[in-house]
Amino acid sequence: MASRGSSMACSLQLAVLMFAAVALGFGVRAGAAELCSEYYDQTCPDVHRVVRRVLKKAHEADVRIYASLTRLHFHDCFVQGCDGSILLDNSSSIVSEKFATPNNNSARGYPVVDAVKAALEEACPGVVSCADILAIAAKISVELSGGPRWRVPLGRRDGTTANITAANNLPSPFDNLTTLQQKFGAVGLDDTDLVALSGAHTFGRVQCQFVTARLYNFSGTNRPDPTLDRGYRAFLSLRCPRGGNASALNDLDPTTPDTFDNNYYTNVEARRGTLQSDQELLSTPGAPTAPIVGRFAGSQKEFFKSFTRSMINMGNIQVLTGSQGEIRNNCRVVNGS
């Protein structure tokens, strides 16, 4: 539970937020409105420093970890809200989301989350939720990769259930634009959020199994995806030959694979979006997302500004606050199980 000082700071921030929202004619979702960046100022003032230290050490052994942790936050929030449900292991009462098709042998970084949790339990026992750890880890991962800085709203509590059915319906690299819009819209995110959050594909890796259909059998045609640049297709075909290793890794951004920048959008403009879902944002006829891709390709500042706003929007999805949920002692299991 937050201390009285943290609660007062959050209450003041909430009052300012609600006043501004009313003045501008906007609504404020109840759960999201209870989050604030000062939530741990009194109860765990070193939370960001602790998380940063663990992440930097993990990055020494695994250059992919920053992108992987950012993806974990995304996959958590899109399934029954940002409640840490993706971290739960199988148990007598839990069917883990880790084994859903989009996550199985793909989502990664769980041991690093465990290390962050252990460090925070030593620094401030029973205070920081696993859901907030994912949000903070994503923020710091982006910053350490050269991306924007932002004040992440905090105060989420951890859920006590998982939902493998919803996890199996996460946005997919094979989705067309209409399906992507529907999935983002279902959690209250719009086209700008879709394009901005897709920009997280500016770092990290992807397995060949998510690319080969575009190279050899796009939409069951036995032909390559016509929106894929011929030279880039030839390059990917060497990395992912027909019948080759489905788990082999490729850079999502072939230009600056470990740097968080706007090159993802310039790649898409050059028809070098690695995933079908990337290229759909621009190449779908009449796509309302195409001008947004162009805007972000032309201005990294615009992309960074929209990305931070969209990360905050995503981090507000169906959050548990107050007396809802719990603060897990171990991110992998519900307390008392």
C-alpha atoms as a PDB file:
ATOM      1  CA  MET A   1       0.000   0.000   0.000  1.00  0.00           C
ATOM      2  CA  ALA A   2       1.274   3.489  -0.789  1.00  0.00           C
ATOM      3  CA  SER A   3       2.182   5.753   2.101  1.00  0.00           C
ATOM      4  CA  ARG A   4       0.135   8.804   2.995  1.00  0.00           C
ATOM      5  CA  GLY A   5       2.731  11.015   1.261  1.00  0.00           C
ATOM      6  CA  SER A   6       2.490   9.083  -2.000  1.00  0.00           C
ATOM      7  CA  SER A   7      -1.289   9.053  -1.813  1.00  0.00           C
ATOM      8  CA  MET A   8      -1.398  12.807  -1.315  1.00  0.00           C
ATOM      9  CA  ALA A   9       0.954  13.370  -4.251  1.00  0.00           C
ATOM     10  CA  CYS A  10      -1.198  11.146  -6.445  1.00  0.00           C
ATOM     11  CA  SER A  11      -4.367  12.848  -5.284  1.00  0.00           C
ATOM     12  CA  LEU A  12      -2.947  16.253  -6.205  1.00  0.00           C
ATOM     13  CA  GLN A  13      -1.842  15.003  -9.627  1.00  0.00           C
ATOM     14  CA  LEU A  14      -5.261  13.405 -10.143  1.00  0.00           C
ATOM     15  CA  ALA A  15      -7.022  16.684  -9.297  1.00  0.00           C
ATOM     16  CA  VAL A  16      -4.892  18.560 -11.837  1.00  0.00           C
ATOM     17  CA  LEU A  17      -5.495  15.875 -14.467  1.00  0.00           C
ATOM     18  CA  MET A  18      -9.259  15.858 -13.954  1.00  0.00           C
ATOM     19  CA  PHE A  19      -9.444  19.660 -14.032  1.00  0.00           C
ATOM     20  CA  ALA A  20      -7.518  19.724 -17.315  1.00  0.00           C
ATOM     21  CA  ALA A  21      -9.649  16.938 -18.765  1.00  0.00           C
ATOM     22  CA  VAL A  22     -12.882  18.696 -17.884  1.00  0.00           C
ATOM     23  CA  ALA A  23     -11.572  21.975 -19.285  1.00  0.00           C
ATOM     24  CA  LEU A  24     -10.721  20.261 -22.564  1.00  0.00           C
ATOM     25  CA  GLY A  25     -13.934  18.263 -22.689  1.00  0.00           C
ATOM     26  CA  PHE A  26     -12.253  14.858 -22.207  1.00  0.00           C
ATOM     27  CA  GLY A  27     -13.197  12.000 -19.927  1.00  0.00           C
ATOM     28  CA  VAL A  28     -10.807  10.291 -17.522  1.00  0.00           C
ATOM     29  CA  ARG A  29     -11.049   6.532 -16.957  1.00  0.00           C
ATOM     30  CA  ALA A  30     -11.325   5.777 -13.256  1.00  0.00           C
ATOM     31  CA  GLY A  31      -8.524   3.218 -12.989  1.00  0.00           C
ATOM     32  CA  ALA A  32      -6.114   5.176 -15.157  1.00  0.00           C
ATOM     33  CA  ALA A  33      -6.818   8.369 -13.227  1.00  0.00           C
ATOM     34  CA  GLU A  34      -5.584   6.733 -10.007  1.00  0.00           C
ATOM     35  CA  LEU A  35      -2.088   6.160 -11.407  1.00  0.00           C
ATOM     36  CA  CYS A  36       0.610   8.774 -10.961  1.00  0.00           C
ATOM     37  CA  SER A  37       4.340   9.029 -11.518  1.00  0.00           C
ATOM     38  CA  GLU A  38       5.031   9.905  -7.843  1.00  0.00           C
ATOM     39  CA  TYR A  39       3.327   6.787  -6.495  1.00  0.00           C
ATOM     40  CA  TYR A  40       6.488   5.286  -4.942  1.00  0.00           C
ATOM     41  CA  ASP A  41       8.215   8.540  -3.952  1.00  0.00           C
ATOM     42  CA  GLN A  42       7.800   7.813  -0.232  1.00  0.00           C
ATOM     43  CA  THR A  43       7.546   4.018  -0.134  1.00  0.00           C
ATOM     44  CA  CYS A  44      10.264   3.049  -2.627  1.00  0.00           C
ATOM     45  CA  PRO A  45      12.084   6.190  -3.780  1.00  0.00           C
ATOM     46  CA  ASP A  46      14.882   4.252  -5.512  1.00  0.00           C
ATOM     47  CA  VAL A  47      12.558   2.107  -7.625  1.00  0.00           C
ATOM     48  CA  HIS A  48      13.752   3.490 -10.973  1.00  0.00           C
ATOM     49  CA  ARG A  49      17.402   3.300  -9.972  1.00  0.00           C
ATOM     50  CA  VAL A  50      17.038  -0.326  -8.863  1.00  0.00           C
ATOM     51  CA  VAL A  51      15.282  -1.367 -12.063  1.00  0.00           C
ATOM     52  CA  ARG A  52      17.829   0.472 -14.212  1.00  0.00           C
ATOM     53  CA  ARG A  53      20.738  -1.246 -12.447  1.00  0.00           C
ATOM     54  CA  VAL A  54      19.311  -4.742 -12.990  1.00  0.00           C
ATOM     55  CA  LEU A  55      18.439  -4.040 -16.630  1.00  0.00           C
ATOM     56  CA  LYS A  56      21.876  -2.668 -17.478  1.00  0.00           C
ATOM     57  CA  LYS A  57      23.509  -5.759 -15.986  1.00  0.00           C
ATOM     58  CA  ALA A  58      21.141  -8.033 -17.938  1.00  0.00           C
ATOM     59  CA  HIS A  59      21.944  -6.146 -21.146  1.00  0.00           C
ATOM     60  CA  GLU A  60      25.640  -6.949 -20.752  1.00  0.00           C
ATOM     61  CA  ALA A  61      24.790 -10.605 -21.397  1.00  0.00           C
ATOM     62  CA  ASP A  62      21.801 -10.150 -23.707  1.00  0.00           C
ATOM     63  CA  VAL A  63      21.672  -7.285 -26.195  1.00  0.00           C
ATOM     64  CA  ARG A  64      18.056  -8.192 -27.062  1.00  0.00           C
ATOM     65  CA  ILE A  65      16.696  -7.799 -23.546  1.00  0.00           C
ATOM     66  CA  TYR A  66      15.529  -4.177 -23.828  1.00  0.00           C
ATOM     67  CA  ALA A  67      13.276  -4.962 -26.785  1.00  0.00           C
ATOM     68  CA  SER A  68      12.049  -8.162 -25.119  1.00  0.00           C
ATOM     69  CA  LEU A  69      11.038  -6.371 -21.922  1.00  0.00           C
ATOM     70  CA  THR A  70       9.207  -3.685 -23.872  1.00  0.00           C
ATOM     71  CA  ARG A  71       7.285  -6.431 -25.681  1.00  0.00           C
ATOM     72  CA  LEU A  72       6.382  -8.105 -22.363  1.00  0.00           C
ATOM     73  CA  HIS A  73       4.651  -4.927 -21.198  1.00  0.00           C
ATOM     74  CA  PHE A  74       2.714  -4.783 -24.491  1.00  0.00           C
ATOM     75  CA  HIS A  75       1.649  -8.435 -24.262  1.00  0.00           C
ATOM     76  CA  ASP A  76       0.613  -7.962 -20.651  1.00  0.00           C
ATOM     77  CA  CYS A  77      -1.543  -4.889 -21.203  1.00  0.00           C
ATOM     78  CA  PHE A  78      -3.434  -6.295 -24.195  1.00  0.00           C
ATOM     79  CA  VAL A  79      -4.682  -9.263 -22.131  1.00  0.00           C
ATOM     80  CA  GLN A  80      -7.153  -8.264 -19.384  1.00  0.00           C
ATOM     81  CA  GLY A  81      -5.227  -5.048 -18.807  1.00  0.00           C
ATOM     82  CA  CYS A  82      -1.822  -4.202 -17.320  1.00  0.00           C
ATOM     83  CA  ASP A  83      -2.016  -6.603 -14.383  1.00  0.00           C
ATOM     84  CA  GLY A  84       1.126  -8.739 -14.688  1.00  0.00           C
ATOM     85  CA  SER A  85      -0.920 -11.736 -15.837  1.00  0.00           C
ATOM     86  CA  ILE A  86       1.660 -12.700 -18.479  1.00  0.00           C
ATOM     87  CA  LEU A  87       4.156 -13.427 -15.703  1.00  0.00           C
ATOM     88  CA  LEU A  88       2.078 -16.120 -13.978  1.00  0.00           C
ATOM     89  CA  ASP A  89       3.246 -19.720 -14.331  1.00  0.00           C
ATOM     90  CA  ASN A  90       0.941 -22.724 -14.638  1.00  0.00           C
ATOM     91  CA  SER A  91      -0.600 -23.849 -11.355  1.00  0.00           C
ATOM     92  CA  SER A  92      -3.661 -25.678 -10.114  1.00  0.00           C
ATOM     93  CA  SER A  93      -5.702 -22.508 -10.699  1.00  0.00           C
ATOM     94  CA  ILE A  94      -3.750 -20.785 -13.493  1.00  0.00           C
ATOM     95  CA  VAL A  95      -3.411 -21.678 -17.163  1.00  0.00           C
ATOM     96  CA  SER A  96      -0.371 -19.608 -18.050  1.00  0.00           C
ATOM     97  CA  GLU A  97      -0.459 -17.069 -20.871  1.00  0.00           C
ATOM     98  CA  LYS A  98       3.189 -17.939 -21.507  1.00  0.00           C
ATOM     99  CA  PHE A  99       2.051 -20.919 -23.597  1.00  0.00           C
ATOM    100  CA  ALA A 100      -0.361 -18.996 -25.802  1.00  0.00           C
ATOM    101  CA  THR A 101       0.730 -19.124 -29.441  1.00  0.00           C
ATOM    102  CA  PRO A 102       1.988 -15.492 -29.591  1.00  0.00           C
ATOM    103  CA  ASN A 103       4.069 -16.007 -26.414  1.00  0.00           C
ATOM    104  CA  ASN A 104       5.277 -19.611 -26.470  1.00  0.00           C
ATOM    105  CA  ASN A 105       9.010 -19.776 -27.234  1.00  0.00           C
ATOM    106  CA  SER A 106       8.761 -16.122 -28.263  1.00  0.00           C
ATOM    107  CA  ALA A 107       8.031 -13.830 -25.302  1.00  0.00           C
ATOM    108  CA  ARG A 108      11.127 -13.638 -23.125  1.00  0.00           C
ATOM    109  CA  GLY A 109      12.761 -11.756 -20.276  1.00  0.00           C
ATOM    110  CA  TYR A 110      10.993 -13.479 -17.376  1.00  0.00           C
ATOM    111  CA  PRO A 111      14.209 -14.183 -15.404  1.00  0.00           C
ATOM    112  CA  VAL A 112      15.147 -10.509 -15.645  1.00  0.00           C
ATOM    113  CA  VAL A 113      11.746  -9.552 -14.234  1.00  0.00           C
ATOM    114  CA  ASP A 114      12.410 -12.036 -11.406  1.00  0.00           C
ATOM    115  CA  ALA A 115      15.773 -10.355 -10.757  1.00  0.00           C
ATOM    116  CA  VAL A 116      14.145  -6.913 -10.676  1.00  0.00           C
ATOM    117  CA  LYS A 117      11.474  -8.161  -8.286  1.00  0.00           C
ATOM    118  CA  ALA A 118      14.081  -9.720  -5.983  1.00  0.00           C
ATOM    119  CA  ALA A 119      16.091  -6.493  -5.902  1.00  0.00           C
ATOM    120  CA  LEU A 120      12.992  -4.440  -5.129  1.00  0.00           C
ATOM    121  CA  GLU A 121      11.849  -6.867  -2.432  1.00  0.00           C
ATOM    122  CA  GLU A 122      15.211  -6.340  -0.782  1.00  0.00           C
ATOM    123  CA  ALA A 123      14.974  -2.548  -1.109  1.00  0.00           C
ATOM    124  CA  CYS A 124      11.279  -2.104  -0.218  1.00  0.00           C
ATOM    125  CA  PRO A 125       9.474  -5.383   0.563  1.00  0.00           C
ATOM    126  CA  GLY A 126       5.874  -5.813  -0.546  1.00  0.00           C
ATOM    127  CA  VAL A 127       5.602  -2.407  -2.199  1.00  0.00           C
ATOM    128  CA  VAL A 128       6.167  -2.522  -5.984  1.00  0.00           C
ATOM    129  CA  SER A 129       3.771  -4.568  -8.104  1.00  0.00           C
ATOM    130  CA  CYS A 130       4.879  -6.843 -10.928  1.00  0.00           C
ATOM    131  CA  ALA A 131       2.608  -4.909 -13.305  1.00  0.00           C
ATOM    132  CA  ASP A 132       4.459  -1.705 -12.431  1.00  0.00           C
ATOM    133  CA  ILE A 133       7.799  -3.483 -12.851  1.00  0.00           C
ATOM    134  CA  LEU A 134       6.837  -4.265 -16.454  1.00  0.00           C
ATOM    135  CA  ALA A 135       5.849  -0.634 -17.084  1.00  0.00           C
ATOM    136  CA  ILE A 136       9.049   0.732 -15.544  1.00  0.00           C
ATOM    137  CA  ALA A 137      11.223  -1.860 -17.309  1.00  0.00           C
ATOM    138  CA  ALA A 138       9.709  -0.937 -20.686  1.00  0.00           C
ATOM    139  CA  LYS A 139      10.276   2.779 -20.074  1.00  0.00           C
ATOM    140  CA  ILE A 140      13.893   2.312 -19.001  1.00  0.00           C
ATOM    141  CA  SER A 141      14.580  -0.158 -21.833  1.00  0.00           C
ATOM    142  CA  VAL A 142      13.462   2.422 -24.384  1.00  0.00           C
ATOM    143  CA  GLU A 143      15.512   5.170 -22.744  1.00  0.00           C
ATOM    144  CA  LEU A 144      18.687   3.044 -22.553  1.00  0.00           C
ATOM    145  CA  SER A 145      18.299   2.237 -26.262  1.00  0.00           C
ATOM    146  CA  GLY A 146      18.344   5.891 -27.262  1.00  0.00           C
ATOM    147  CA  GLY A 147      14.604   6.480 -27.181  1.00  0.00           C
ATOM    148  CA  PRO A 148      12.489   9.126 -25.451  1.00  0.00           C
ATOM    149  CA  ARG A 149      12.152   9.672 -21.718  1.00  0.00           C
ATOM    150  CA  TRP A 150       8.810   9.994 -19.987  1.00  0.00           C
ATOM    151  CA  ARG A 151       7.276   9.923 -16.533  1.00  0.00           C
ATOM    152  CA  VAL A 152       5.477   6.613 -16.311  1.00  0.00           C
ATOM    153  CA  PRO A 153       2.245   6.633 -14.243  1.00  0.00           C
ATOM    154  CA  LEU A 154       2.425   4.035 -11.457  1.00  0.00           C
ATOM    155  CA  GLY A 155       0.205   2.435  -8.862  1.00  0.00           C
ATOM    156  CA  ARG A 156      -1.001  -0.685 -10.710  1.00  0.00           C
ATOM    157  CA  ARG A 157      -1.743  -3.761  -8.684  1.00  0.00           C
ATOM    158  CA  ASP A 158      -1.306  -7.360  -9.774  1.00  0.00           C
ATOM    159  CA  GLY A 159      -4.125  -9.566 -10.987  1.00  0.00           C
ATOM    160  CA  THR A 160      -4.780 -13.031  -9.618  1.00  0.00           C
ATOM    161  CA  THR A 161      -5.923 -14.648 -12.869  1.00  0.00           C
ATOM    162  CA  ALA A 162      -4.580 -15.280 -16.368  1.00  0.00           C
ATOM    163  CA  ASN A 163      -6.420 -15.534 -19.696  1.00  0.00           C
ATOM    164  CA  ILE A 164      -4.800 -17.771 -22.298  1.00  0.00           C
ATOM    165  CA  THR A 165      -7.790 -17.371 -24.632  1.00  0.00           C
ATOM    166  CA  ALA A 166      -7.282 -13.607 -24.820  1.00  0.00           C
ATOM    167  CA  ALA A 167      -3.522 -14.115 -25.094  1.00  0.00           C
ATOM    168  CA  ASN A 168      -4.115 -16.238 -28.186  1.00  0.00           C
ATOM    169  CA  ASN A 169      -5.830 -13.207 -29.745  1.00  0.00           C
ATOM    170  CA  LEU A 170      -2.982 -10.727 -29.302  1.00  0.00           C
ATOM    171  CA  PRO A 171      -2.167  -8.507 -32.299  1.00  0.00           C
ATOM    172  CA  SER A 172      -0.343 -10.765 -34.744  1.00  0.00           C
ATOM    173  CA  PRO A 173       2.442 -10.199 -37.292  1.00  0.00           C
ATOM    174  CA  PHE A 174       0.067 -11.811 -39.810  1.00  0.00           C
ATOM    175  CA  ASP A 175      -2.876  -9.471 -39.144  1.00  0.00           C
ATOM    176  CA  ASN A 176      -4.147  -7.152 -41.858  1.00  0.00           C
ATOM    177  CA  LEU A 177      -4.788  -3.502 -41.068  1.00  0.00           C
ATOM    178  CA  THR A 178      -8.501  -3.933 -40.374  1.00  0.00           C
ATOM    179  CA  THR A 179      -7.822  -6.663 -37.822  1.00  0.00           C
ATOM    180  CA  LEU A 180      -5.080  -4.614 -36.183  1.00  0.00           C
ATOM    181  CA  GLN A 181      -7.411  -1.639 -35.891  1.00  0.00           C
ATOM    182  CA  GLN A 182     -10.103  -3.844 -34.349  1.00  0.00           C
ATOM    183  CA  LYS A 183      -7.732  -5.319 -31.774  1.00  0.00           C
ATOM    184  CA  PHE A 184      -6.328  -1.941 -30.787  1.00  0.00           C
ATOM    185  CA  GLY A 185      -9.777  -0.367 -30.753  1.00  0.00           C
ATOM    186  CA  ALA A 186     -11.049  -3.105 -28.435  1.00  0.00           C
ATOM    187  CA  VAL A 187      -8.692  -1.839 -25.710  1.00  0.00           C
ATOM    188  CA  GLY A 188      -9.362   1.849 -26.368  1.00  0.00           C
ATOM    189  CA  LEU A 189      -6.381   2.619 -28.605  1.00  0.00           C
ATOM    190  CA  ASP A 190      -6.678   4.501 -31.900  1.00  0.00           C
ATOM    191  CA  ASP A 191      -4.810   4.569 -35.218  1.00  0.00           C
ATOM    192  CA  THR A 192      -2.083   6.870 -33.888  1.00  0.00           C
ATOM    193  CA  ASP A 193      -1.510   4.496 -30.982  1.00  0.00           C
ATOM    194  CA  LEU A 194      -1.349   1.585 -33.442  1.00  0.00           C
ATOM    195  CA  VAL A 195       1.295   3.247 -35.608  1.00  0.00           C
ATOM    196  CA  ALA A 196       3.291   4.661 -32.692  1.00  0.00           C
ATOM    197  CA  LEU A 197       3.395   1.416 -30.715  1.00  0.00           C
ATOM    198  CA  SER A 198       4.302  -0.534 -33.846  1.00  0.00           C
ATOM    199  CA  GLY A 199       7.386   1.671 -33.874  1.00  0.00           C
ATOM    200  CA  ALA A 200       8.760  -0.466 -31.036  1.00  0.00           C
ATOM    201  CA  HIS A 201       9.795  -2.776 -33.879  1.00  0.00           C
ATOM    202  CA  THR A 202      12.671  -0.357 -34.323  1.00  0.00           C
ATOM    203  CA  PHE A 203      14.700  -2.694 -32.108  1.00  0.00           C
ATOM    204  CA  GLY A 204      14.794  -6.399 -31.325  1.00  0.00           C
ATOM    205  CA  ARG A 205      14.688  -9.609 -33.331  1.00  0.00           C
ATOM    206  CA  VAL A 206      12.064 -11.819 -34.974  1.00  0.00           C
ATOM    207  CA  GLN A 207      12.063 -15.530 -35.772  1.00  0.00           C
ATOM    208  CA  CYS A 208      11.947 -16.717 -39.389  1.00  0.00           C
ATOM    209  CA  GLN A 209       8.608 -18.448 -38.784  1.00  0.00           C
ATOM    210  CA  PHE A 210       6.970 -15.018 -38.670  1.00  0.00           C
ATOM    211  CA  VAL A 211       8.559 -13.930 -41.955  1.00  0.00           C
ATOM    212  CA  THR A 212       8.589 -16.930 -44.303  1.00  0.00           C
ATOM    213  CA  ALA A 213       4.957 -16.657 -45.437  1.00  0.00           C
ATOM    214  CA  ARG A 214       5.746 -13.222 -46.903  1.00  0.00           C
ATOM    215  CA  LEU A 215       8.706 -14.687 -48.763  1.00  0.00           C
ATOM    216  CA  TYR A 216       7.194 -17.819 -50.283  1.00  0.00           C
ATOM    217  CA  ASN A 217       3.452 -18.179 -49.770  1.00  0.00           C
ATOM    218  CA  PHE A 218       1.783 -14.854 -49.054  1.00  0.00           C
ATOM    219  CA  SER A 219      -1.918 -15.329 -48.268  1.00  0.00           C
ATOM    220  CA  GLY A 220      -1.759 -18.843 -49.728  1.00  0.00           C
ATOM    221  CA  THR A 221      -0.708 -17.643 -53.219  1.00  0.00           C
ATOM    222  CA  ASN A 222       2.618 -19.538 -53.390  1.00  0.00           C
ATOM    223  CA  ARG A 223       4.121 -16.167 -54.251  1.00  0.00           C
ATOM    224  CA  PRO A 224       5.933 -13.515 -52.222  1.00  0.00           C
ATOM    225  CA  ASP A 225       4.214 -10.507 -50.707  1.00  0.00           C
ATOM    226  CA  PRO A 226       4.079  -7.928 -53.542  1.00  0.00           C
ATOM    227  CA  THR A 227       4.511  -5.062 -51.060  1.00  0.00           C
ATOM    228  CA  LEU A 228       7.942  -6.355 -49.981  1.00  0.00           C
ATOM    229  CA  ASP A 229      10.949  -4.684 -51.600  1.00  0.00           C
ATOM    230  CA  ARG A 230      12.653  -7.145 -53.957  1.00  0.00           C
ATOM    231  CA  GLY A 231      16.149  -6.541 -52.619  1.00  0.00           C
ATOM    232  CA  TYR A 232      15.047  -6.899 -49.021  1.00  0.00           C
ATOM    233  CA  ARG A 233      13.124 -10.049 -49.931  1.00  0.00           C
ATOM    234  CA  ALA A 234      16.301 -11.535 -51.398  1.00  0.00           C
ATOM    235  CA  PHE A 235      18.189 -10.631 -48.215  1.00  0.00           C
ATOM    236  CA  LEU A 236      15.548 -12.200 -45.970  1.00  0.00           C
ATOM    237  CA  SER A 237      15.406 -15.306 -48.167  1.00  0.00           C
ATOM    238  CA  LEU A 238      19.081 -15.912 -47.489  1.00  0.00           C
ATOM    239  CA  ARG A 239      18.441 -15.608 -43.763  1.00  0.00           C
ATOM    240  CA  CYS A 240      15.212 -17.616 -43.858  1.00  0.00           C
ATOM    241  CA  PRO A 241      15.472 -20.171 -46.688  1.00  0.00           C
ATOM    242  CA  ARG A 242      12.459 -22.280 -47.572  1.00  0.00           C
ATOM    243  CA  GLY A 243      12.395 -25.228 -45.167  1.00  0.00           C
ATOM    244  CA  GLY A 244      15.109 -23.644 -43.005  1.00  0.00           C
ATOM    245  CA  ASN A 245      15.330 -23.094 -39.252  1.00  0.00           C
ATOM    246  CA  ALA A 246      12.014 -21.532 -38.220  1.00  0.00           C
ATOM    247  CA  SER A 247      13.556 -20.184 -35.001  1.00  0.00           C
ATOM    248  CA  ALA A 248      16.474 -18.386 -36.666  1.00  0.00           C
ATOM    249  CA  LEU A 249      16.566 -14.706 -35.723  1.00  0.00           C
ATOM    250  CA  ASN A 250      16.539 -11.589 -37.890  1.00  0.00           C
ATOM    251  CA  ASP A 251      16.727  -7.902 -37.031  1.00  0.00           C
ATOM    252  CA  LEU A 252      13.332  -6.232 -37.068  1.00  0.00           C
ATOM    253  CA  ASP A 253      15.094  -3.036 -38.135  1.00  0.00           C
ATOM    254  CA  PRO A 254      17.914  -3.912 -40.557  1.00  0.00           C
ATOM    255  CA  THR A 255      19.427  -0.427 -40.302  1.00  0.00           C
ATOM    256  CA  THR A 256      19.867   0.203 -36.541  1.00  0.00           C
ATOM    257  CA  PRO A 257      18.685  -3.039 -34.902  1.00  0.00           C
ATOM    258  CA  ASP A 258      19.496  -2.163 -31.286  1.00  0.00           C
ATOM    259  CA  THR A 259      18.746   1.565 -31.315  1.00  0.00           C
ATOM    260  CA  PHE A 260      15.357   3.088 -30.589  1.00  0.00           C
ATOM    261  CA  ASP A 261      14.837   5.605 -33.410  1.00  0.00           C
ATOM    262  CA  ASN A 262      12.424   6.360 -36.249  1.00  0.00           C
ATOM    263  CA  ASN A 263      14.194   4.187 -38.831  1.00  0.00           C
ATOM    264  CA  TYR A 264      11.353   1.682 -38.555  1.00  0.00           C
ATOM    265  CA  TYR A 265       9.163   4.156 -40.456  1.00  0.00           C
ATOM    266  CA  THR A 266      11.716   4.947 -43.132  1.00  0.00           C
ATOM    267  CA  ASN A 267      12.094   1.190 -43.617  1.00  0.00           C
ATOM    268  CA  VAL A 268       8.341   0.828 -44.054  1.00  0.00           C
ATOM    269  CA  GLU A 269       8.342   3.685 -46.561  1.00  0.00           C
ATOM    270  CA  ALA A 270      11.052   1.810 -48.509  1.00  0.00           C
ATOM    271  CA  ARG A 271       8.836  -1.330 -48.405  1.00  0.00           C
ATOM    272  CA  ARG A 272      11.288  -2.919 -45.993  1.00  0.00           C
ATOM    273  CA  GLY A 273       8.905  -3.529 -43.138  1.00  0.00           C
ATOM    274  CA  THR A 274       9.962  -6.939 -41.827  1.00  0.00           C
ATOM    275  CA  LEU A 275       6.525  -8.159 -40.757  1.00  0.00           C
ATOM    276  CA  GLN A 276       3.293  -8.125 -42.724  1.00  0.00           C
ATOM    277  CA  SER A 277       1.701  -6.108 -39.914  1.00  0.00           C
ATOM    278  CA  ASP A 278       4.438  -3.482 -40.316  1.00  0.00           C
ATOM    279  CA  GLN A 279       3.924  -2.980 -44.040  1.00  0.00           C
ATOM    280  CA  GLU A 280       0.123  -3.038 -43.714  1.00  0.00           C
ATOM    281  CA  LEU A 281       0.300   0.363 -42.003  1.00  0.00           C
ATOM    282  CA  LEU A 282       1.451   1.959 -45.251  1.00  0.00           C
ATOM    283  CA  SER A 283       0.697  -0.351 -48.167  1.00  0.00           C
ATOM    284  CA  THR A 284      -2.976  -1.150 -47.519  1.00  0.00           C
ATOM    285  CA  PRO A 285      -4.940   0.825 -50.138  1.00  0.00           C
ATOM    286  CA  GLY A 286      -6.480   3.902 -48.562  1.00  0.00           C
ATOM    287  CA  ALA A 287      -4.866   3.173 -45.185  1.00  0.00           C
ATOM    288  CA  PRO A 288      -5.675   5.959 -42.678  1.00  0.00           C
ATOM    289  CA  THR A 289      -2.431   4.983 -40.953  1.00  0.00           C
ATOM    290  CA  ALA A 290      -0.267   5.836 -43.989  1.00  0.00           C
ATOM    291  CA  PRO A 291      -0.051   9.609 -43.265  1.00  0.00           C
ATOM    292  CA  ILE A 292       0.961   8.829 -39.685  1.00  0.00           C
ATOM    293  CA  VAL A 293       3.771   6.581 -40.932  1.00  0.00           C
ATOM    294  CA  GLY A 294       4.905   9.449 -43.171  1.00  0.00           C
ATOM    295  CA  ARG A 295       4.815  11.932 -40.314  1.00  0.00           C
ATOM    296  CA  PHE A 296       6.919   9.719 -38.045  1.00  0.00           C
ATOM    297  CA  ALA A 297       9.344   8.883 -40.867  1.00  0.00           C
ATOM    298  CA  GLY A 298       9.885  12.601 -41.411  1.00  0.00           C
ATOM    299  CA  SER A 299      10.326  13.550 -37.760  1.00  0.00           C
ATOM    300  CA  GLN A 300      11.836  11.472 -34.993  1.00  0.00           C
ATOM    301  CA  LYS A 301      10.676  14.143 -32.550  1.00  0.00           C
ATOM    302  CA  GLU A 302       7.061  13.588 -33.644  1.00  0.00           C
ATOM    303  CA  PHE A 303       7.463   9.830 -33.280  1.00  0.00           C
ATOM    304  CA  PHE A 304       8.998  10.088 -29.823  1.00  0.00           C
ATOM    305  CA  LYS A 305       6.261  12.447 -28.637  1.00  0.00           C
ATOM    306  CA  SER A 306       3.502  10.172 -29.901  1.00  0.00           C
ATOM    307  CA  PHE A 307       5.216   7.018 -28.667  1.00  0.00           C
ATOM    308  CA  THR A 308       5.420   8.276 -25.085  1.00  0.00           C
ATOM    309  CA  ARG A 309       1.769   9.313 -25.195  1.00  0.00           C
ATOM    310  CA  SER A 310       0.733   5.937 -26.607  1.00  0.00           C
ATOM    311  CA  MET A 311       2.800   4.012 -24.051  1.00  0.00           C
ATOM    312  CA  ILE A 312       0.984   5.884 -21.301  1.00  0.00           C
ATOM    313  CA  ASN A 313      -2.363   5.164 -22.997  1.00  0.00           C
ATOM    314  CA  MET A 314      -1.497   1.466 -23.254  1.00  0.00           C
ATOM    315  CA  GLY A 315      -0.255   1.379 -19.664  1.00  0.00           C
ATOM    316  CA  ASN A 316      -3.672   2.619 -18.529  1.00  0.00           C
ATOM    317  CA  ILE A 317      -5.645  -0.300 -19.993  1.00  0.00           C
ATOM    318  CA  GLN A 318      -7.940  -1.826 -17.355  1.00  0.00           C
ATOM    319  CA  VAL A 319      -5.529  -1.243 -14.491  1.00  0.00           C
ATOM    320  CA  LEU A 320      -6.194  -2.550 -10.987  1.00  0.00           C
ATOM    321  CA  THR A 321      -5.717   0.073  -8.270  1.00  0.00           C
ATOM    322  CA  GLY A 322      -6.532   0.734  -4.637  1.00  0.00           C
ATOM    323  CA  SER A 323      -7.747  -2.451  -2.953  1.00  0.00           C
ATOM    324  CA  GLN A 324      -8.089  -4.383  -6.210  1.00  0.00           C
ATOM    325  CA  GLY A 325      -5.760  -7.281  -6.896  1.00  0.00           C
ATOM    326  CA  GLU A 326      -2.609  -7.641  -4.811  1.00  0.00           C
ATOM    327  CA  ILE A 327       1.130  -6.939  -4.714  1.00  0.00           C
ATOM    328  CA  ARG A 328       2.633 -10.320  -5.579  1.00  0.00           C
ATOM    329  CA  ASN A 329       5.574 -11.500  -3.526  1.00  0.00           C
ATOM    330  CA  ASN A 330       6.725 -13.548  -6.514  1.00  0.00           C
ATOM    331  CA  CYS A 331       5.740 -12.403 -10.003  1.00  0.00           C
ATOM    332  CA  ARG A 332       5.232 -16.006 -11.146  1.00  0.00           C
ATOM    333  CA  VAL A 333       2.599 -17.008  -8.580  1.00  0.00           C
ATOM    334  CA  VAL A 334      -0.462 -15.584  -6.862  1.00  0.00           C
ATOM    335  CA  ASN A 335       0.137 -14.898  -3.176  1.00  0.00           C
ATOM    336  CA  GLY A 336      -0.736 -17.835  -0.945  1.00  0.00           C
ATOM    337  CA  SER A 337      -0.790 -20.376  -3.781  1.00  0.00           C
END
